């Protein structure tokens, strides 16, 4: 079965030993219980793909349309979230109700992870953009200020995309080419080396790496 993506929950971090005895820091991703809930076709949807349902809740907490369409395709789980994955064509062995698990990534060397970063609230320019601070001697009061922002009479405004204080985090980002260190099929857990966006217990989307460049050891 060709895998095009899975939904995972960020469990936390730990460390493992490789064959040479080197300690590797890894992030553990738990593959959530998920099934194919819809097959997308060019005739009806305009493209090939599959829809995956995940994050199960009691049926009483679902809307009636969601319950009706899940039961119509004989999916007994009460999923509340859905994600589409586009494919190049029809997938062999993938039908409505097919369960997805970590075994699909057993032979994948690197993945791309998409998630929402942690929220930091309102931050200054030093924390948000990595600006250098000013001097702290001789009574200086500007060592954490962003500095000059605007112009004089012409053009008399602040240009767009200026690195100024503001809201930081809570944006969707994709980290590419993360090395797959280990895949535990029984526990449905994948261990990745590298930075995974999001907070603990947050959901992320993992896909096979599109760059597939040679990984550094």
Protein backbone atom coordinates (compact mmCIF):
# COMPACT_ATOMS: atom_id res chain seq x y z
CA UNK A 1 0.00 0.00 0.00
CA UNK A 2 1.39 3.40 -0.99
CA UNK A 3 1.23 5.77 1.97
CA UNK A 4 0.51 9.45 1.41
CA UNK A 5 0.08 10.67 4.98
CA UNK A 6 -1.05 9.91 8.51
CA UNK A 7 -2.38 11.79 11.51
CA UNK A 8 -0.23 11.52 14.64
CA UNK A 9 -0.20 12.89 18.18
CA UNK A 10 2.98 14.38 19.61
CA UNK A 11 3.67 12.34 22.75
CA UNK A 12 6.96 13.85 23.91
CA UNK A 13 10.72 13.38 23.69
CA UNK A 14 13.16 10.70 24.75
CA UNK A 15 16.50 9.30 23.63
CA UNK A 16 17.60 6.09 22.00
CA UNK A 17 20.92 4.39 21.27
CA UNK A 18 21.95 3.58 17.72
CA UNK A 19 24.02 0.60 16.57
CA UNK A 20 27.24 2.47 17.37
CA UNK A 21 26.16 3.34 20.91
CA UNK A 22 25.55 7.00 20.13
CA UNK A 23 22.68 8.68 21.98
CA UNK A 24 20.07 10.23 19.69
CA UNK A 25 17.33 12.62 20.92
CA UNK A 26 14.00 11.71 19.32
CA UNK A 27 10.40 12.91 19.32
CA UNK A 28 7.74 10.23 19.70
CA UNK A 29 4.62 10.42 17.54
CA UNK A 30 1.66 8.20 18.37
CA UNK A 31 -0.37 7.24 15.30
CA UNK A 32 -3.97 7.96 16.21
CA UNK A 33 -6.76 5.52 15.41
CA UNK A 34 -7.92 6.51 11.94
CA UNK A 35 -9.77 5.05 9.00
CA UNK A 36 -10.51 5.99 5.41
CA UNK A 37 -13.95 7.59 5.36
CA UNK A 38 -14.14 8.68 1.73
CA UNK A 39 -12.55 7.94 -1.65
CA UNK A 40 -12.15 11.06 -3.80
CA UNK A 41 -12.49 10.73 -7.57
CA UNK A 42 -11.94 13.19 -10.45
CA UNK A 43 -15.49 12.67 -11.70
CA UNK A 44 -17.06 13.84 -8.41
CA UNK A 45 -14.34 15.84 -6.61
CA UNK A 46 -11.98 16.92 -9.40
CA UNK A 47 -8.95 14.95 -8.18
CA UNK A 48 -7.82 11.62 -6.76
CA UNK A 49 -7.44 11.29 -3.01
CA UNK A 50 -8.63 9.81 0.24
CA UNK A 51 -10.29 11.32 3.31
CA UNK A 52 -9.15 10.07 6.73
CA UNK A 53 -11.23 10.41 9.89
CA UNK A 54 -9.65 10.63 13.35
CA UNK A 55 -10.14 11.96 16.92
CA UNK A 56 -13.06 9.84 18.08
CA UNK A 57 -15.68 11.18 20.50
CA UNK A 58 -18.99 9.86 21.86
CA UNK A 59 -21.65 9.82 19.19
CA UNK A 60 -23.84 12.25 21.14
CA UNK A 61 -21.17 14.94 20.66
CA UNK A 62 -21.20 14.70 16.86
CA UNK A 63 -23.43 16.61 14.52
CA UNK A 64 -26.17 14.62 12.87
CA UNK A 65 -24.78 15.08 9.33
CA UNK A 66 -21.40 13.66 10.40
CA UNK A 67 -23.01 10.68 12.11
CA UNK A 68 -25.22 10.02 9.10
CA UNK A 69 -22.42 10.07 6.54
CA UNK A 70 -20.15 7.86 8.67
CA UNK A 71 -22.85 5.27 9.20
CA UNK A 72 -23.82 5.45 5.53
CA UNK A 73 -20.36 4.14 4.54
CA UNK A 74 -20.40 1.56 7.39
CA UNK A 75 -17.83 3.33 9.59
CA UNK A 76 -18.78 2.57 13.19
CA UNK A 77 -16.35 5.00 14.84
CA UNK A 78 -17.54 8.53 15.69
CA UNK A 79 -14.76 10.65 14.21
CA UNK A 80 -14.92 14.41 14.65
CA UNK A 81 -11.97 15.49 12.48
CA UNK A 82 -11.18 14.72 8.87
CA UNK A 83 -8.16 15.24 6.63
CA UNK A 84 -7.76 14.78 2.89
CA UNK A 85 -4.65 13.40 1.21
CA UNK A 86 -4.32 13.79 -2.54
CA UNK A 87 -3.01 10.87 -4.56
CA UNK A 88 -1.75 10.42 -8.10
CA UNK A 89 -4.40 7.81 -8.83
CA UNK A 90 -6.48 5.11 -7.23
CA UNK A 91 -4.73 3.21 -4.42
CA UNK A 92 -4.69 -0.58 -4.42
CA UNK A 93 -5.87 -2.12 -1.18
CA UNK A 94 -7.30 1.14 0.19
CA UNK A 95 -11.07 1.19 0.61
CA UNK A 96 -13.57 2.95 2.83
CA UNK A 97 -13.03 1.65 6.36
CA UNK A 98 -9.37 0.72 5.84
CA UNK A 99 -7.43 1.33 9.07
CA UNK A 100 -4.14 3.26 8.87
CA UNK A 101 -1.24 2.49 11.22
CA UNK A 102 2.50 3.00 11.72
CA UNK A 103 3.49 -0.01 9.62
CA UNK A 104 3.06 2.16 6.52
CA UNK A 105 6.25 4.03 7.49
CA UNK A 106 8.36 0.96 8.21
CA UNK A 107 10.38 1.43 4.99
CA UNK A 108 10.34 5.25 4.89
CA UNK A 109 13.66 6.91 5.72
CA UNK A 110 12.54 10.53 6.10
CA UNK A 111 9.26 12.38 6.56
CA UNK A 112 7.80 15.88 6.44
CA UNK A 113 5.81 16.96 9.51
CA UNK A 114 3.13 19.67 9.45
CA UNK A 115 1.72 21.16 12.65
CA UNK A 116 0.73 24.34 14.47
CA UNK A 117 3.54 25.90 16.48
CA UNK A 118 3.28 26.71 20.17
CA UNK A 119 1.65 30.03 21.03
CA UNK A 120 3.84 32.58 22.83
CA UNK A 121 1.39 35.46 23.03
CA UNK A 122 2.63 39.03 22.51
CA UNK A 123 6.44 39.10 22.21
CA UNK A 124 9.01 41.80 21.61
CA UNK A 125 11.30 42.09 18.60
CA UNK A 126 14.22 40.36 20.36
CA UNK A 127 12.28 37.20 21.19
CA UNK A 128 10.12 37.19 18.07
CA UNK A 129 12.76 37.99 15.44
CA UNK A 130 16.08 37.41 17.21
CA UNK A 131 17.19 41.05 17.21
CA UNK A 132 20.26 42.06 19.19
CA UNK A 133 19.76 44.07 22.34
CA UNK A 134 21.27 47.49 22.96
CA UNK A 135 23.75 48.40 25.68
CA UNK A 136 22.63 48.36 29.31
CA UNK A 137 25.24 50.74 30.68
CA UNK A 138 25.02 54.47 31.54
CA UNK A 139 21.30 54.37 32.26
CA UNK A 140 20.29 53.21 28.80
CA UNK A 141 16.57 52.43 28.55
CA UNK A 142 16.46 51.14 24.98
CA UNK A 143 18.28 47.80 25.22
CA UNK A 144 15.12 45.78 24.42
CA UNK A 145 13.32 48.26 22.17
CA UNK A 146 12.95 47.63 18.41
CA UNK A 147 14.50 50.96 17.41
CA UNK A 148 13.42 53.34 14.66
CA UNK A 149 10.43 52.16 12.62
CA UNK A 150 9.06 54.83 10.30
CA UNK A 151 10.21 57.49 7.84
CA UNK A 152 10.02 61.28 7.79
CA UNK A 153 7.42 63.15 5.79
CA UNK A 154 8.17 61.01 2.74
CA UNK A 155 6.73 58.38 2.68
CA UNK A 156 5.42 59.10 6.18
CA UNK A 157 4.50 55.55 7.07
CA UNK A 158 5.92 52.24 8.26
CA UNK A 159 6.65 49.75 5.50
CA UNK A 160 4.95 46.36 5.53
CA UNK A 161 6.76 43.26 6.82
CA UNK A 162 8.73 45.31 9.34
CA UNK A 163 10.09 43.12 12.13
CA UNK A 164 8.21 44.61 15.06
CA UNK A 165 6.69 43.24 18.31
CA UNK A 166 3.48 41.28 17.94
CA UNK A 167 1.77 37.92 18.26
CA UNK A 168 4.18 34.99 18.09
CA UNK A 169 3.37 31.36 17.34
CA UNK A 170 0.10 29.59 16.50
CA UNK A 171 0.98 29.31 12.80
CA UNK A 172 1.07 26.22 10.61
CA UNK A 173 4.57 25.20 9.58
CA UNK A 174 6.12 22.19 7.86
CA UNK A 175 9.48 20.78 8.92
CA UNK A 176 11.01 18.78 6.09
CA UNK A 177 13.27 15.77 5.89
CA UNK A 178 13.13 14.48 9.47
CA UNK A 179 14.93 11.17 9.90
CA UNK A 180 12.84 8.16 10.95
CA UNK A 181 14.90 6.56 13.73
CA UNK A 182 12.51 3.78 14.73
CA UNK A 183 9.00 2.50 14.02
CA UNK A 184 7.22 0.47 16.72
CA UNK A 185 4.39 -1.24 14.87
CA UNK A 186 2.91 -2.90 17.97
CA UNK A 187 2.74 0.36 19.94
CA UNK A 188 1.90 2.37 16.79
CA UNK A 189 4.67 4.87 17.57
CA UNK A 190 7.22 6.54 15.28
CA UNK A 191 10.46 8.07 16.60
CA UNK A 192 11.83 11.04 14.63
CA UNK A 193 15.12 12.89 14.91
CA UNK A 194 14.60 16.64 14.56
CA UNK A 195 12.27 19.46 15.52
CA UNK A 196 8.56 18.63 15.43
CA UNK A 197 6.19 21.63 15.59
CA UNK A 198 3.41 21.86 18.14
CA UNK A 199 2.76 21.21 21.79
CA UNK A 200 2.51 17.91 23.63
CA UNK A 201 -0.66 15.96 22.75
CA UNK A 202 -1.13 18.15 19.69
CA UNK A 203 -1.95 16.64 16.29
CA UNK A 204 0.49 16.72 13.38
CA UNK A 205 0.44 15.43 9.81
CA UNK A 206 3.32 13.25 8.66
CA UNK A 207 4.08 12.46 5.02
CA UNK A 208 7.01 10.84 3.20
CA UNK A 209 9.68 13.46 2.49
CA UNK A 210 9.30 15.22 -0.86
CA UNK A 211 12.98 16.18 -1.04
CA UNK A 212 14.40 12.77 -0.14
CA UNK A 213 17.93 14.13 0.06
CA UNK A 214 20.73 12.21 1.73
CA UNK A 215 20.38 12.55 5.49
CA UNK A 216 23.30 13.58 7.67
CA UNK A 217 24.44 10.91 10.07
